[in-house]
Amino acid sequence: MSAAQQLRPVSAPRRRTGSRRRTPSRPTAVAPTSAAAAVAIHQGSTDRQELLCSVIGLSVKLGVTLLAGLSLVHLASAYQQRLNQHDELSAILQIEQAKLQKAQKRFDQLFITSGEQRLIREQDQWIAPNRLRVVWNEPTQTKPAPAAAKRPLISQEPSQSQAGTQPADR
């Protein structure tokens, strides 16, 4: 029913003209037969829209959940790497602190009253106490020495032990 037909009072008769016929070339819209059918059609399209919105919402929730899960996996692996690096650095730090404590203790031992003697005892390159120590000093003034007093420091002639090993053509 059209809107004009619905507003017409019930008591008014309908006019029908026999000469006017609807032309079959014009398609007619299928009008719902009742209000219940119109509500059913409207509710069917509403149900489809709700289903579509539910599917879109579910896919968004699944995507966010997947993204959060992957982020947690990456964070867990990065945290494990940081812990491993921290353990390595802690071990190195403990080793270096032990070296520092040892060096500080040794330094403190050298500056006590008997530290000098302890240092001398620890050194193996020191000359033994029963040996003669030679200290070379540079002369402060240079005096020209007489020509006769000059001697070569190293002998130019072979010693007797070397004479036997030298060739005879000399």
Protein backbone atom coordinates (compact mmCIF):
# COMPACT_ATOMS: atom_id res chain seq x y z
CA MET A 1 0.00 0.00 0.00
CA SER A 2 1.16 3.43 -0.78
CA ALA A 3 1.20 6.28 1.67
CA ALA A 4 -1.75 8.03 -0.02
CA GLN A 5 -3.88 4.91 0.14
CA GLN A 6 -3.13 4.41 3.82
CA LEU A 7 -4.28 7.96 4.68
CA ARG A 8 -7.62 7.65 2.86
CA PRO A 9 -10.60 7.06 5.13
CA VAL A 10 -12.10 3.61 5.09
CA SER A 11 -15.59 4.81 4.21
CA ALA A 12 -14.51 6.51 1.01
CA PRO A 13 -14.97 4.33 -2.01
CA ARG A 14 -12.15 3.69 -4.35
CA ARG A 15 -12.38 4.85 -7.84
CA ARG A 16 -11.71 2.47 -10.54
CA THR A 17 -11.62 3.39 -14.07
CA GLY A 18 -11.84 0.67 -16.58
CA SER A 19 -10.17 2.57 -19.33
CA ARG A 20 -6.98 3.05 -17.42
CA ARG A 21 -4.84 0.06 -17.12
CA ARG A 22 -1.38 -0.15 -15.88
CA THR A 23 1.08 -0.78 -18.56
CA PRO A 24 3.03 -4.00 -18.08
CA SER A 25 6.21 -2.39 -19.48
CA ARG A 26 6.77 -0.51 -16.23
CA PRO A 27 8.16 -2.76 -13.50
CA THR A 28 6.33 -2.53 -10.25
CA ALA A 29 8.07 -2.64 -6.93
CA VAL A 30 7.15 -5.57 -4.77
CA ALA A 31 5.62 -4.08 -1.71
CA PRO A 32 5.57 -6.09 1.46
CA THR A 33 2.23 -7.57 2.13
CA SER A 34 2.21 -6.79 5.80
CA ALA A 35 4.06 -4.88 8.47
CA ALA A 36 5.38 -8.10 9.96
CA ALA A 37 7.09 -8.94 6.69
CA ALA A 38 8.66 -5.47 6.59
CA VAL A 39 9.92 -5.88 10.15
CA ALA A 40 11.30 -9.33 9.32
CA ILE A 41 13.17 -7.99 6.29
CA HIS A 42 14.51 -5.06 8.29
CA GLN A 43 15.52 -7.34 11.18
CA GLY A 44 17.26 -9.73 8.74
CA SER A 45 19.40 -6.91 7.40
CA THR A 46 20.08 -5.74 10.97
CA ASP A 47 21.15 -9.27 11.93
CA ARG A 48 23.54 -9.36 8.98
CA GLN A 49 24.99 -5.99 9.97
CA GLU A 50 25.42 -7.16 13.57
CA LEU A 51 27.09 -10.37 12.38
CA LEU A 52 29.42 -8.39 10.14
CA CYS A 53 30.30 -6.00 12.98
CA SER A 54 30.87 -8.95 15.32
CA VAL A 55 33.22 -10.62 12.82
CA ILE A 56 35.15 -7.36 12.32
CA GLY A 57 35.38 -6.82 16.08
CA LEU A 58 36.54 -10.41 16.64
CA SER A 59 39.22 -10.08 13.95
CA VAL A 60 40.46 -6.80 15.48
CA LYS A 61 40.59 -8.43 18.93
CA LEU A 62 42.47 -11.44 17.55
CA GLY A 63 44.93 -9.14 15.77
CA VAL A 64 45.58 -7.11 18.92
CA THR A 65 45.98 -10.32 20.97
CA LEU A 66 48.42 -11.74 18.41
CA LEU A 67 50.38 -8.48 18.38
CA ALA A 68 50.52 -8.43 22.20
CA GLY A 69 51.69 -12.06 22.27
CA LEU A 70 54.45 -11.44 19.74
CA SER A 71 55.54 -8.35 21.64
CA LEU A 72 55.75 -10.35 24.86
CA VAL A 73 57.87 -13.02 23.14
CA HIS A 74 60.26 -10.34 21.82
CA LEU A 75 60.42 -8.68 25.22
CA ALA A 76 61.14 -12.00 26.93
CA SER A 77 64.02 -12.78 24.55
CA ALA A 78 65.46 -9.27 24.93
CA TYR A 79 65.17 -9.56 28.73
CA GLN A 80 67.00 -12.91 28.66
CA GLN A 81 69.81 -11.37 26.58
CA ARG A 82 70.10 -8.49 29.04
CA LEU A 83 70.32 -10.93 31.95
CA ASN A 84 73.07 -12.91 30.19
CA GLN A 85 75.02 -9.72 29.48
CA HIS A 86 74.56 -8.60 33.08
CA ASP A 87 75.88 -11.94 34.35
CA GLU A 88 78.95 -11.68 32.09
CA LEU A 89 79.66 -8.11 33.17
CA SER A 90 79.17 -9.02 36.83
CA ALA A 91 81.70 -11.85 36.51
CA ILE A 92 84.21 -9.54 34.82
CA LEU A 93 83.61 -6.88 37.47
CA GLN A 94 84.26 -9.37 40.27
CA ILE A 95 87.52 -10.47 38.63
CA GLU A 96 88.66 -6.86 38.21
CA GLN A 97 87.67 -6.00 41.79
CA ALA A 98 89.72 -8.96 43.05
CA LYS A 99 92.72 -7.70 41.03
CA LEU A 100 92.23 -4.22 42.46
CA GLN A 101 92.04 -5.51 46.03
CA LYS A 102 95.22 -7.52 45.48
CA ALA A 103 97.04 -4.49 44.02
CA GLN A 104 95.86 -2.24 46.87
CA LYS A 105 97.02 -4.77 49.46
CA ARG A 106 100.42 -5.07 47.78
CA PHE A 107 100.73 -1.27 47.56
CA ASP A 108 99.91 -0.95 51.25
CA GLN A 109 102.48 -3.63 52.12
CA LEU A 110 105.23 -1.76 50.25
CA PHE A 111 104.73 1.41 52.28
CA ILE A 112 104.93 -0.03 55.76
CA THR A 113 108.22 0.13 57.73
CA SER A 114 109.59 -3.19 56.47
CA GLY A 115 108.20 -2.76 52.97
CA GLU A 116 111.56 -1.95 51.40
CA GLN A 117 113.14 -5.18 52.63
CA ARG A 118 110.12 -7.17 51.48
CA LEU A 119 110.43 -5.61 48.01
CA ILE A 120 114.13 -6.48 47.84
CA ARG A 121 113.40 -10.08 48.87
CA GLU A 122 110.72 -10.42 46.20
CA GLN A 123 112.91 -9.15 43.38
CA ASP A 124 114.91 -11.93 41.73
CA GLN A 125 116.98 -9.67 39.48
CA TRP A 126 118.68 -7.98 42.43
CA ILE A 127 122.34 -8.68 43.03
CA ALA A 128 123.01 -11.05 45.88
CA PRO A 129 124.33 -9.40 49.07
CA ASN A 130 127.75 -11.08 48.81
CA ARG A 131 128.38 -9.64 45.32
CA LEU A 132 130.10 -6.38 44.49
CA ARG A 133 127.77 -3.78 43.03
CA VAL A 134 129.15 -1.45 40.37
CA VAL A 135 127.62 1.94 39.78
CA TRP A 136 128.64 3.84 36.68
CA ASN A 137 128.63 7.61 36.92
CA GLU A 138 129.24 10.04 34.10
CA PRO A 139 132.10 12.42 34.78
CA THR A 140 130.94 15.93 35.55
CA GLN A 141 133.95 17.66 33.94
CA THR A 142 135.62 16.53 30.79
CA LYS A 143 139.40 16.77 31.02
CA PRO A 144 141.58 16.04 28.05
CA ALA A 145 143.69 13.02 28.90
CA PRO A 146 147.34 12.89 27.86
CA ALA A 147 147.95 10.99 24.63
CA ALA A 148 150.26 8.48 26.27
CA ALA A 149 147.68 7.65 28.89
CA LYS A 150 145.08 6.60 26.37
CA ARG A 151 144.64 2.90 26.17
CA PRO A 152 142.20 0.92 24.16
CA LEU A 153 139.50 -0.58 26.29
CA ILE A 154 139.36 -3.72 24.22
CA SER A 155 142.52 -5.39 23.13
CA GLN A 156 143.04 -5.42 19.42
CA GLU A 157 145.35 -8.40 19.54
CA PRO A 158 143.81 -11.82 19.96
CA SER A 159 144.32 -13.48 23.27
CA GLN A 160 146.19 -16.75 23.55
CA SER A 161 142.99 -18.79 23.63
CA GLN A 162 141.78 -17.08 20.48
CA ALA A 163 145.19 -17.37 18.76
CA GLY A 164 144.86 -21.13 18.45
CA THR A 165 141.52 -20.86 16.74
CA GLN A 166 142.52 -18.16 14.23
CA PRO A 167 143.75 -19.12 10.75
CA ALA A 168 147.52 -19.36 10.28
CA ASP A 169 147.76 -16.86 7.43
CA ARG A 170 148.12 -13.90 9.80
